[in-house]
C-alpha atoms as a PDB file:
ATOM      1  CA  MET A   1      -8.564  17.645  -9.191  1.00  0.00           C
ATOM      2  CA  ILE A   2      -7.711  16.872  -5.560  1.00  0.00           C
ATOM      3  CA  GLN A   3      -4.426  17.068  -3.687  1.00  0.00           C
ATOM      4  CA  VAL A   4      -3.966  15.804  -0.130  1.00  0.00           C
ATOM      5  CA  GLU A   5      -0.775  16.709   1.702  1.00  0.00           C
ATOM      6  CA  LYS A   6       0.448  15.407   5.069  1.00  0.00           C
ATOM      7  CA  LEU A   7      -3.063  14.751   6.350  1.00  0.00           C
ATOM      8  CA  ASN A   8      -3.430  13.682   9.984  1.00  0.00           C
ATOM      9  CA  THR A   9      -6.680  12.924  11.788  1.00  0.00           C
ATOM     10  CA  GLY A  10      -8.485  10.445  13.992  1.00  0.00           C
ATOM     11  CA  TYR A  11     -11.277   9.957  16.506  1.00  0.00           C
ATOM     12  CA  GLY A  12     -11.002  11.564  19.929  1.00  0.00           C
ATOM     13  CA  ASN A  13      -7.380  11.107  20.969  1.00  0.00           C
ATOM     14  CA  VAL A  14      -6.817   8.116  18.698  1.00  0.00           C
ATOM     15  CA  GLN A  15      -4.887   8.968  15.541  1.00  0.00           C
ATOM     16  CA  ILE A  16      -5.946   7.020  12.434  1.00  0.00           C
ATOM     17  CA  LEU A  17      -4.337   8.799   9.471  1.00  0.00           C
ATOM     18  CA  ARG A  18      -0.649   9.696   9.544  1.00  0.00           C
ATOM     19  CA  GLU A  19       0.959  12.064   7.045  1.00  0.00           C
ATOM     20  CA  ILE A  20      -1.270  10.944   4.152  1.00  0.00           C
ATOM     21  CA  SER A  21      -0.334  12.499   0.796  1.00  0.00           C
ATOM     22  CA  PHE A  22      -1.793  11.674  -2.614  1.00  0.00           C
ATOM     23  CA  GLU A  23      -3.455  13.279  -5.618  1.00  0.00           C
ATOM     24  CA  VAL A  24      -6.109  12.541  -8.211  1.00  0.00           C
ATOM     25  CA  ASN A  25      -5.975  14.163 -11.636  1.00  0.00           C
ATOM     26  CA  GLU A  26      -9.023  15.116 -13.672  1.00  0.00           C
ATOM     27  CA  GLY A  27     -10.482  12.194 -15.621  1.00  0.00           C
ATOM     28  CA  GLU A  28      -8.678   9.489 -13.630  1.00  0.00           C
ATOM     29  CA  VAL A  29      -9.922   6.552 -11.639  1.00  0.00           C
ATOM     30  CA  VAL A  30      -7.594   6.202  -8.646  1.00  0.00           C
ATOM     31  CA  SER A  31      -7.873   3.365  -6.139  1.00  0.00           C
ATOM     32  CA  ILE A  32      -7.063   3.380  -2.433  1.00  0.00           C
ATOM     33  CA  LEU A  33      -6.360  -0.217  -1.447  1.00  0.00           C
ATOM     34  CA  GLY A  34      -6.031  -1.706   1.995  1.00  0.00           C
ATOM     35  CA  THR A  35      -7.408  -4.161   4.501  1.00  0.00           C
ATOM     36  CA  ASN A  36     -10.185  -3.532   7.033  1.00  0.00           C
ATOM     37  CA  GLY A  37      -9.073  -0.989   9.612  1.00  0.00           C
ATOM     38  CA  ALA A  38      -6.343   0.499   7.431  1.00  0.00           C
ATOM     39  CA  GLY A  39      -7.966   3.946   7.441  1.00  0.00           C
ATOM     40  CA  LYS A  40      -9.604   3.989   4.001  1.00  0.00           C
ATOM     41  CA  THR A  41     -13.088   5.044   5.111  1.00  0.00           C
ATOM     42  CA  THR A  42     -11.653   7.594   7.560  1.00  0.00           C
ATOM     43  CA  LEU A  43      -9.754   9.111   4.642  1.00  0.00           C
ATOM     44  CA  LEU A  44     -12.884   9.517   2.521  1.00  0.00           C
ATOM     45  CA  ARG A  45     -14.905  10.870   5.428  1.00  0.00           C
ATOM     46  CA  THR A  46     -12.208  13.453   6.101  1.00  0.00           C
ATOM     47  CA  ILE A  47     -12.111  14.530   2.459  1.00  0.00           C
ATOM     48  CA  SER A  48     -15.921  14.864   2.556  1.00  0.00           C
ATOM     49  CA  GLY A  49     -15.797  17.067   5.656  1.00  0.00           C
ATOM     50  CA  LEU A  50     -17.529  14.533   7.900  1.00  0.00           C
ATOM     51  CA  ILE A  51     -14.374  14.244  10.017  1.00  0.00           C
ATOM     52  CA  LYS A  52     -12.202  17.279  10.690  1.00  0.00           C
ATOM     53  CA  SER A  53      -8.522  17.038   9.868  1.00  0.00           C
ATOM     54  CA  TRP A  54      -6.010  17.640  12.651  1.00  0.00           C
ATOM     55  CA  SER A  55      -3.347  18.954  10.312  1.00  0.00           C
ATOM     56  CA  GLY A  56      -2.348  18.912   6.667  1.00  0.00           C
ATOM     57  CA  THR A  57      -4.247  20.216   3.650  1.00  0.00           C
ATOM     58  CA  ILE A  58      -6.936  18.999   1.268  1.00  0.00           C
ATOM     59  CA  LYS A  59      -7.159  21.010  -1.942  1.00  0.00           C
ATOM     60  CA  PHE A  60      -9.993  20.518  -4.408  1.00  0.00           C
ATOM     61  CA  GLN A  61      -9.541  22.198  -7.774  1.00  0.00           C
ATOM     62  CA  GLY A  62      -6.803  24.335  -6.236  1.00  0.00           C
ATOM     63  CA  GLU A  63      -8.825  25.567  -3.241  1.00  0.00           C
ATOM     64  CA  ASP A  64      -8.209  24.485   0.350  1.00  0.00           C
ATOM     65  CA  ILE A  65     -11.275  22.643   1.679  1.00  0.00           C
ATOM     66  CA  SER A  66      -9.616  21.255   4.821  1.00  0.00           C
ATOM     67  CA  LYS A  67     -11.969  23.206   7.109  1.00  0.00           C
ATOM     68  CA  ALA A  68     -15.035  23.283   4.849  1.00  0.00           C
ATOM     69  CA  GLY A  69     -18.309  21.694   5.941  1.00  0.00           C
ATOM     70  CA  PRO A  70     -19.930  18.743   4.142  1.00  0.00           C
ATOM     71  CA  ASP A  71     -22.642  20.896   2.529  1.00  0.00           C
ATOM     72  CA  ASP A  72     -20.064  23.290   1.074  1.00  0.00           C
ATOM     73  CA  ILE A  73     -17.986  20.393  -0.202  1.00  0.00           C
ATOM     74  CA  VAL A  74     -21.026  18.865  -1.920  1.00  0.00           C
ATOM     75  CA  LYS A  75     -21.795  22.210  -3.566  1.00  0.00           C
ATOM     76  CA  ARG A  76     -18.275  22.225  -4.995  1.00  0.00           C
ATOM     77  CA  GLY A  77     -18.983  18.905  -6.740  1.00  0.00           C
ATOM     78  CA  LEU A  78     -17.208  16.444  -4.450  1.00  0.00           C
ATOM     79  CA  ILE A  79     -19.726  13.657  -3.754  1.00  0.00           C
ATOM     80  CA  GLN A  80     -19.327  10.486  -1.692  1.00  0.00           C
ATOM     81  CA  VAL A  81     -21.156   7.178  -2.009  1.00  0.00           C
ATOM     82  CA  PRO A  82     -20.689   5.827   1.534  1.00  0.00           C
ATOM     83  CA  GLU A  83     -19.954   2.264   2.523  1.00  0.00           C
ATOM     84  CA  GLY A  84     -23.231   0.504   3.269  1.00  0.00           C
ATOM     85  CA  ARG A  85     -25.094   2.789   0.811  1.00  0.00           C
ATOM     86  CA  LYS A  86     -26.939   4.783   3.539  1.00  0.00           C
ATOM     87  CA  LEU A  87     -30.170   4.975   1.570  1.00  0.00           C
ATOM     88  CA  PHE A  88     -33.497   6.194   2.958  1.00  0.00           C
ATOM     89  CA  SER A  89     -34.984   2.716   3.115  1.00  0.00           C
ATOM     90  CA  THR A  90     -38.615   3.786   3.756  1.00  0.00           C
ATOM     91  CA  MET A  91     -38.609   6.179   0.801  1.00  0.00           C
ATOM     92  CA  SER A  92     -39.060   5.221  -2.826  1.00  0.00           C
ATOM     93  CA  VAL A  93     -36.322   4.844  -5.409  1.00  0.00           C
ATOM     94  CA  TYR A  94     -37.509   8.039  -7.071  1.00  0.00           C
ATOM     95  CA  GLU A  95     -37.492   9.968  -3.782  1.00  0.00           C
ATOM     96  CA  ASN A  96     -33.957   8.825  -2.994  1.00  0.00           C
ATOM     97  CA  LEU A  97     -32.778   9.975  -6.415  1.00  0.00           C
ATOM     98  CA  GLU A  98     -34.618  13.263  -6.038  1.00  0.00           C
ATOM     99  CA  LEU A  99     -32.787  13.950  -2.770  1.00  0.00           C
ATOM    100  CA  GLY A 100     -29.498  13.607  -4.640  1.00  0.00           C
ATOM    101  CA  ALA A 101     -30.225  16.857  -6.486  1.00  0.00           C
ATOM    102  CA  PHE A 102     -29.106  18.853  -3.460  1.00  0.00           C
ATOM    103  CA  THR A 103     -27.522  21.947  -4.997  1.00  0.00           C
ATOM    104  CA  LYS A 104     -29.232  24.694  -6.975  1.00  0.00           C
ATOM    105  CA  GLU A 105     -27.400  23.692 -10.157  1.00  0.00           C
ATOM    106  CA  ALA A 106     -28.327  20.039  -9.716  1.00  0.00           C
ATOM    107  CA  LYS A 107     -31.980  20.948  -9.131  1.00  0.00           C
ATOM    108  CA  LYS A 108     -32.044  22.912 -12.379  1.00  0.00           C
ATOM    109  CA  LYS A 109     -30.892  19.837 -14.283  1.00  0.00           C
ATOM    110  CA  SER A 110     -32.639  17.207 -12.174  1.00  0.00           C
ATOM    111  CA  LYS A 111     -34.880  16.028 -15.017  1.00  0.00           C
ATOM    112  CA  ASP A 112     -31.958  15.463 -17.384  1.00  0.00           C
ATOM    113  CA  ASN A 113     -29.890  13.851 -14.629  1.00  0.00           C
ATOM    114  CA  LEU A 114     -32.773  11.569 -13.703  1.00  0.00           C
ATOM    115  CA  GLU A 115     -33.062  10.373 -17.293  1.00  0.00           C
ATOM    116  CA  MET A 116     -29.309   9.791 -17.330  1.00  0.00           C
ATOM    117  CA  CYS A 117     -29.576   7.672 -14.179  1.00  0.00           C
ATOM    118  CA  PHE A 118     -32.447   5.648 -15.617  1.00  0.00           C
ATOM    119  CA  GLU A 119     -30.445   5.075 -18.801  1.00  0.00           C
ATOM    120  CA  LEU A 120     -27.425   3.953 -16.792  1.00  0.00           C
ATOM    121  CA  PHE A 121     -29.525   1.870 -14.360  1.00  0.00           C
ATOM    122  CA  PRO A 122     -32.699   0.635 -16.152  1.00  0.00           C
ATOM    123  CA  ILE A 123     -33.693  -1.332 -13.045  1.00  0.00           C
ATOM    124  CA  LEU A 124     -34.169   1.963 -11.167  1.00  0.00           C
ATOM    125  CA  LYS A 125     -36.683   3.155 -13.750  1.00  0.00           C
ATOM    126  CA  GLU A 126     -38.492  -0.149 -13.471  1.00  0.00           C
ATOM    127  CA  LYS A 127     -38.635   0.101  -9.675  1.00  0.00           C
ATOM    128  CA  GLU A 128     -38.878   3.883  -9.215  1.00  0.00           C
ATOM    129  CA  LYS A 129     -42.003   3.623  -6.997  1.00  0.00           C
ATOM    130  CA  GLN A 130     -40.634   0.743  -4.922  1.00  0.00           C
ATOM    131  CA  LEU A 131     -39.236   1.325  -1.425  1.00  0.00           C
ATOM    132  CA  ALA A 132     -35.443   1.440  -1.460  1.00  0.00           C
ATOM    133  CA  GLY A 133     -35.216  -0.910   1.516  1.00  0.00           C
ATOM    134  CA  SER A 134     -37.049  -3.674  -0.344  1.00  0.00           C
ATOM    135  CA  MET A 135     -34.479  -3.874  -3.157  1.00  0.00           C
ATOM    136  CA  SER A 136     -31.601  -6.335  -3.438  1.00  0.00           C
ATOM    137  CA  GLY A 137     -28.108  -5.367  -2.340  1.00  0.00           C
ATOM    138  CA  GLY A 138     -26.934  -4.867  -5.902  1.00  0.00           C
ATOM    139  CA  GLN A 139     -29.935  -2.717  -6.772  1.00  0.00           C
ATOM    140  CA  GLN A 140     -29.400  -0.631  -3.640  1.00  0.00           C
ATOM    141  CA  GLN A 141     -25.782  -0.041  -4.640  1.00  0.00           C
ATOM    142  CA  MET A 142     -26.932   1.133  -8.061  1.00  0.00           C
ATOM    143  CA  LEU A 143     -29.404   3.477  -6.366  1.00  0.00           C
ATOM    144  CA  ALA A 144     -26.681   4.869  -4.093  1.00  0.00           C
ATOM    145  CA  ILE A 145     -24.472   5.597  -7.095  1.00  0.00           C
ATOM    146  CA  GLY A 146     -27.431   7.036  -9.007  1.00  0.00           C
ATOM    147  CA  ARG A 147     -28.292   9.341  -6.106  1.00  0.00           C
ATOM    148  CA  ALA A 148     -24.696  10.608  -6.126  1.00  0.00           C
ATOM    149  CA  LEU A 149     -24.809  11.209  -9.878  1.00  0.00           C
ATOM    150  CA  MET A 150     -27.933  13.348  -9.399  1.00  0.00           C
ATOM    151  CA  SER A 151     -25.610  15.804  -7.614  1.00  0.00           C
ATOM    152  CA  GLN A 152     -23.539  16.264 -10.782  1.00  0.00           C
ATOM    153  CA  PRO A 153     -20.219  15.232  -9.210  1.00  0.00           C
ATOM    154  CA  LYS A 154     -16.896  16.506 -10.485  1.00  0.00           C
ATOM    155  CA  LEU A 155     -15.179  13.983  -8.229  1.00  0.00           C
ATOM    156  CA  LEU A 156     -17.013  10.846  -7.097  1.00  0.00           C
ATOM    157  CA  LEU A 157     -15.807   9.079  -3.943  1.00  0.00           C
ATOM    158  CA  LEU A 158     -16.835   5.427  -3.832  1.00  0.00           C
ATOM    159  CA  ASP A 159     -16.391   3.584  -0.525  1.00  0.00           C
ATOM    160  CA  GLU A 160     -16.330  -0.213  -0.926  1.00  0.00           C
ATOM    161  CA  PRO A 161     -18.995  -0.453  -3.665  1.00  0.00           C
ATOM    162  CA  SER A 162     -18.642  -4.248  -3.923  1.00  0.00           C
ATOM    163  CA  THR A 163     -19.315  -4.970  -0.228  1.00  0.00           C
ATOM    164  CA  GLY A 164     -21.865  -7.752   0.164  1.00  0.00           C
ATOM    165  CA  LEU A 165     -22.336  -8.286  -3.562  1.00  0.00           C
ATOM    166  CA  SER A 166     -22.032 -11.517  -5.527  1.00  0.00           C
ATOM    167  CA  PRO A 167     -19.173 -11.823  -8.052  1.00  0.00           C
ATOM    168  CA  LEU A 168     -21.646 -11.242 -10.878  1.00  0.00           C
ATOM    169  CA  LEU A 169     -23.087  -8.083  -9.334  1.00  0.00           C
ATOM    170  CA  THR A 170     -19.598  -6.872  -8.429  1.00  0.00           C
ATOM    171  CA  LYS A 171     -18.590  -7.186 -12.068  1.00  0.00           C
ATOM    172  CA  GLN A 172     -21.715  -5.259 -13.077  1.00  0.00           C
ATOM    173  CA  VAL A 173     -21.046  -2.438 -10.595  1.00  0.00           C
ATOM    174  CA  PHE A 174     -17.452  -2.070 -11.775  1.00  0.00           C
ATOM    175  CA  SER A 175     -18.658  -1.950 -15.358  1.00  0.00           C
ATOM    176  CA  ILE A 176     -20.944   0.924 -14.370  1.00  0.00           C
ATOM    177  CA  ILE A 177     -18.036   2.740 -12.696  1.00  0.00           C
ATOM    178  CA  ASN A 178     -16.101   2.419 -15.941  1.00  0.00           C
ATOM    179  CA  THR A 179     -19.054   3.939 -17.830  1.00  0.00           C
ATOM    180  CA  ILE A 180     -19.105   6.819 -15.339  1.00  0.00           C
ATOM    181  CA  LYS A 181     -15.410   7.396 -16.018  1.00  0.00           C
ATOM    182  CA  GLU A 182     -16.080   7.430 -19.768  1.00  0.00           C
ATOM    183  CA  GLN A 183     -18.658  10.167 -19.150  1.00  0.00           C
ATOM    184  CA  GLY A 184     -15.882  12.365 -17.758  1.00  0.00           C
ATOM    185  CA  VAL A 185     -16.410  11.953 -14.005  1.00  0.00           C
ATOM    186  CA  THR A 186     -13.218  11.629 -11.948  1.00  0.00           C
ATOM    187  CA  VAL A 187     -13.387   8.745  -9.435  1.00  0.00           C
ATOM    188  CA  LEU A 188     -11.581   8.000  -6.180  1.00  0.00           C
ATOM    189  CA  LEU A 189     -12.318   4.369  -5.363  1.00  0.00           C
ATOM    190  CA  VAL A 190     -11.788   2.733  -1.977  1.00  0.00           C
ATOM    191  CA  GLU A 191     -11.981  -1.022  -2.378  1.00  0.00           C
ATOM    192  CA  GLN A 192     -10.811  -4.289  -0.793  1.00  0.00           C
ATOM    193  CA  ASN A 193     -11.257  -6.145  -4.094  1.00  0.00           C
ATOM    194  CA  ALA A 194      -7.825  -5.102  -5.334  1.00  0.00           C
ATOM    195  CA  ALA A 195      -7.875  -7.075  -8.575  1.00  0.00           C
ATOM    196  CA  GLN A 196     -11.152  -5.550  -9.755  1.00  0.00           C
ATOM    197  CA  ALA A 197     -10.157  -2.075  -8.599  1.00  0.00           C
ATOM    198  CA  LEU A 198      -6.773  -2.088 -10.334  1.00  0.00           C
ATOM    199  CA  ASN A 199      -8.291  -3.483 -13.517  1.00  0.00           C
ATOM    200  CA  LEU A 200     -10.455  -0.365 -13.644  1.00  0.00           C
ATOM    201  CA  SER A 201      -7.982   2.215 -12.334  1.00  0.00           C
ATOM    202  CA  ASP A 202      -5.281   4.401 -13.823  1.00  0.00           C
ATOM    203  CA  ARG A 203      -3.271   4.557 -10.613  1.00  0.00           C
ATOM    204  CA  GLY A 204      -3.446   3.348  -7.040  1.00  0.00           C
ATOM    205  CA  TYR A 205      -2.224   3.821  -3.489  1.00  0.00           C
ATOM    206  CA  VAL A 206      -1.935   1.212  -0.742  1.00  0.00           C
ATOM    207  CA  ILE A 207      -2.716   2.270   2.816  1.00  0.00           C
ATOM    208  CA  GLU A 208      -1.661   0.326   5.906  1.00  0.00           C
ATOM    209  CA  ASN A 209      -2.106   1.439   9.511  1.00  0.00           C
ATOM    210  CA  GLY A 210      -3.155   4.892   8.352  1.00  0.00           C
ATOM    211  CA  GLN A 211      -0.120   5.466   6.143  1.00  0.00           C
ATOM    212  CA  ILE A 212       0.491   5.300   2.392  1.00  0.00           C
ATOM    213  CA  VAL A 213       3.033   2.502   1.947  1.00  0.00           C
ATOM    214  CA  MET A 214       2.950   2.021  -1.826  1.00  0.00           C
ATOM    215  CA  GLU A 215       1.841   3.872  -4.935  1.00  0.00           C
ATOM    216  CA  GLY A 216       2.106   3.486  -8.685  1.00  0.00           C
ATOM    217  CA  SER A 217       0.254   2.887 -11.901  1.00  0.00           C
ATOM    218  CA  ALA A 218      -2.398   0.168 -11.907  1.00  0.00           C
ATOM    219  CA  VAL A 219      -0.089  -2.001 -14.029  1.00  0.00           C
ATOM    220  CA  GLU A 220       2.846  -1.517 -11.656  1.00  0.00           C
ATOM    221  CA  LEU A 221       0.799  -2.368  -8.596  1.00  0.00           C
ATOM    222  CA  SER A 222      -0.814  -5.373 -10.283  1.00  0.00           C
ATOM    223  CA  ASN A 223       2.632  -6.754 -11.056  1.00  0.00           C
ATOM    224  CA  ASP A 224       4.163  -6.034  -7.649  1.00  0.00           C
ATOM    225  CA  THR A 225       5.128  -9.287  -5.915  1.00  0.00           C
ATOM    226  CA  ASN A 226       4.308  -8.112  -2.382  1.00  0.00           C
ATOM    227  CA  LEU A 227       0.976  -6.662  -3.428  1.00  0.00           C
ATOM    228  CA  LYS A 228       0.073  -9.850  -5.254  1.00  0.00           C
ATOM    229  CA  ALA A 229       0.723 -11.906  -2.139  1.00  0.00           C
ATOM    230  CA  SER A 230      -1.043  -9.545   0.263  1.00  0.00           C
ATOM    231  CA  TYR A 231      -4.056  -8.344  -1.739  1.00  0.00           C
ATOM    232  CA  LEU A 232      -4.458 -10.340  -4.931  1.00  0.00           C
ATOM    233  CA  GLY A 233      -4.119 -13.848  -3.480  1.00  0.00           C
ATOM    234  CA  VAL A 234      -1.203 -14.704  -5.769  1.00  0.00           C
ATOM    235  CA  THR A 235       1.757 -16.433  -4.142  1.00  0.00           C
ATOM    236  CA  SER A 236       3.998 -17.069  -7.127  1.00  0.00           C
END
């Protein structure tokens, strides 16, 4: 689905990502794990075309998108749910969802996709006329994911979906991500909650200081002694 090879980029003259290489196969959930400042969000923003790569390649479904703009990347079916949700807070739930149907193909199927979102997130149907900014953090996260699903993603990029949520809401959001996977959507998940992420994922990569330092199946990473100590809070 997506293949990143020797990706380098940063902000101004400051390099953030160094020789990043990884891949996501169709139908997988793949996690990118790491602490704050490791380069996770920069990686997703570069894949989405919001930050230009300095060198290296990003291929989506076999085509090089390294120099493509964000609108072109969205049209190809690569959709990001940004950290912090980035909703239009003074617009209604319905209006936010409607804006997710950005492409011509998504607009044609917007009614069906809207019903799918309401089925997946009943609270959004209940509050469709309410302003997005007046909803709880968990509800806003559901709306952000729903807006992305309105774009009919082939690959969904999720940036820290559990940020600011209670353990109960975090569990609920991860359950929804699993449902999305079961519907055939490929997911690249950036998350600090390593235990939850690996429990959901097929494979994972660990990024530190802008470099991939570890990779493996979710089971392998969950059982790795160093990873347990650093990210899972297990010392023995």
